[in-house]
């Protein structure tokens, strides 16, 4: 039964990783590509580590795999946010089809300091 669970987890993880790869190739700008990589890629990698934990049957390997899942879940959203902010501050414009740019006009300088609406 554990082999079937492991196989199912690996297949689902592979599908999510494939979706992330397709998103990297097909999405129009750095921000949407980063979204695909951070969301689907993290889920795919996490499911692969869960499959390793299930298949191993050893507590030490399972604990390392689950620690890896926790690491992915904690670091991927933060790193994607920081990379997107760095790209925006560097002047990489969003795709022309982007309807709303909430940050436009809020950066005071090229060093990435945000101006608040309260400042005069």
Protein backbone atom coordinates (compact mmCIF):
# COMPACT_ATOMS: atom_id res chain seq x y z
CA UNK A 1 0.00 0.00 0.00
CA UNK A 2 2.88 2.41 0.77
CA UNK A 3 4.18 1.91 -2.78
CA UNK A 4 0.85 3.06 -4.21
CA UNK A 5 0.76 6.11 -1.96
CA UNK A 6 4.35 6.95 -2.85
CA UNK A 7 3.67 6.51 -6.56
CA UNK A 8 0.56 8.67 -6.40
CA UNK A 9 2.43 11.41 -4.54
CA UNK A 10 5.24 11.33 -7.10
CA UNK A 11 2.82 11.51 -10.02
CA UNK A 12 0.94 14.46 -8.51
CA UNK A 13 4.24 16.17 -7.66
CA UNK A 14 5.47 15.66 -11.22
CA UNK A 15 2.27 17.21 -12.58
CA UNK A 16 2.75 20.29 -10.39
CA UNK A 17 6.40 20.57 -11.44
CA UNK A 18 5.36 20.25 -15.09
CA UNK A 19 2.79 23.01 -14.60
CA UNK A 20 5.50 25.20 -13.04
CA UNK A 21 7.82 24.54 -15.99
CA UNK A 22 5.09 25.33 -18.51
CA UNK A 23 4.31 28.52 -16.59
CA UNK A 24 7.97 29.56 -16.77
CA UNK A 25 7.90 29.10 -20.53
CA UNK A 26 4.49 30.54 -21.34
CA UNK A 27 3.84 33.41 -18.95
CA UNK A 28 4.61 36.86 -20.36
CA UNK A 29 6.68 38.59 -17.67
CA UNK A 30 9.00 38.00 -14.74
CA UNK A 31 6.25 38.48 -12.15
CA UNK A 32 3.85 35.87 -13.48
CA UNK A 33 6.71 33.46 -14.15
CA UNK A 34 7.88 33.88 -10.59
CA UNK A 35 4.36 33.16 -9.38
CA UNK A 36 4.29 29.88 -11.32
CA UNK A 37 7.70 28.84 -10.06
CA UNK A 38 7.04 29.69 -6.43
CA UNK A 39 3.55 28.22 -6.12
CA UNK A 40 3.48 25.12 -8.30
CA UNK A 41 7.19 24.41 -7.95
CA UNK A 42 7.04 24.55 -4.16
CA UNK A 43 4.02 22.28 -4.03
CA UNK A 44 5.63 19.81 -6.43
CA UNK A 45 8.91 19.73 -4.53
CA UNK A 46 7.10 19.44 -1.21
CA UNK A 47 5.03 16.50 -2.43
CA UNK A 48 8.18 14.76 -3.65
CA UNK A 49 9.72 15.14 -0.22
CA UNK A 50 6.54 13.78 1.38
CA UNK A 51 6.77 10.80 -0.99
CA UNK A 52 10.34 10.21 0.21
CA UNK A 53 9.14 10.37 3.82
CA UNK A 54 6.36 7.86 3.15
CA UNK A 55 8.56 5.50 1.16
CA UNK A 56 11.54 5.49 3.52
CA UNK A 57 9.80 4.10 6.56
CA UNK A 58 12.59 5.46 8.74
CA UNK A 59 11.99 8.26 11.22
CA UNK A 60 15.29 10.01 10.55
CA UNK A 61 14.75 10.20 6.79
CA UNK A 62 11.09 11.17 7.21
CA UNK A 63 11.97 13.94 9.66
CA UNK A 64 14.58 15.35 7.27
CA UNK A 65 12.12 15.23 4.39
CA UNK A 66 9.42 16.96 6.41
CA UNK A 67 11.95 19.57 7.56
CA UNK A 68 12.67 20.16 3.87
CA UNK A 69 8.95 20.66 3.22
CA UNK A 70 8.77 23.20 6.05
CA UNK A 71 11.85 24.96 4.66
CA UNK A 72 10.27 25.19 1.19
CA UNK A 73 6.99 26.49 2.57
CA UNK A 74 8.74 29.15 4.65
CA UNK A 75 11.32 30.38 2.16
CA UNK A 76 9.73 30.18 -1.29
CA UNK A 77 7.06 32.89 -0.81
CA UNK A 78 9.54 35.23 0.86
CA UNK A 79 12.19 34.79 -1.80
CA UNK A 80 9.63 35.24 -4.60
CA UNK A 81 8.41 38.45 -2.98
CA UNK A 82 11.93 39.81 -2.59
CA UNK A 83 12.87 38.94 -6.18
CA UNK A 84 9.69 40.57 -7.50
CA UNK A 85 10.35 43.71 -5.49
CA UNK A 86 13.95 43.85 -6.69
CA UNK A 87 12.78 43.45 -10.29
CA UNK A 88 10.22 46.24 -9.84
CA UNK A 89 12.73 48.60 -8.24
CA UNK A 90 15.23 47.82 -11.02
CA UNK A 91 12.64 49.05 -13.51
CA UNK A 92 11.40 45.82 -15.03
CA UNK A 93 7.90 46.76 -16.09
CA UNK A 94 4.96 44.43 -15.68
CA UNK A 95 3.39 42.90 -18.78
CA UNK A 96 1.45 45.40 -20.89
CA UNK A 97 -1.75 43.45 -20.20
CA UNK A 98 -1.48 44.12 -16.47
CA UNK A 99 -4.52 46.17 -15.62
CA UNK A 100 -3.64 47.49 -12.16
CA UNK A 101 -0.20 48.48 -10.90
CA UNK A 102 -0.65 49.29 -7.23
CA UNK A 103 3.00 50.29 -6.77
CA UNK A 104 3.20 52.79 -9.62
CA UNK A 105 4.24 56.16 -8.26
CA UNK A 106 4.89 54.92 -4.71
CA UNK A 107 8.65 54.45 -4.90
CA UNK A 108 10.55 57.56 -3.85
CA UNK A 109 13.89 56.51 -5.30
CA UNK A 110 15.70 53.72 -7.09
CA UNK A 111 16.86 52.22 -3.78
CA UNK A 112 13.42 50.77 -3.16
CA UNK A 113 12.12 53.08 -0.45
CA UNK A 114 8.34 53.19 -0.53
CA UNK A 115 6.55 56.44 0.07
CA UNK A 116 3.36 56.24 2.09
CA UNK A 117 0.13 57.99 1.29
CA UNK A 118 0.46 59.93 4.56
CA UNK A 119 3.72 61.66 3.55
CA UNK A 120 3.39 65.11 2.07
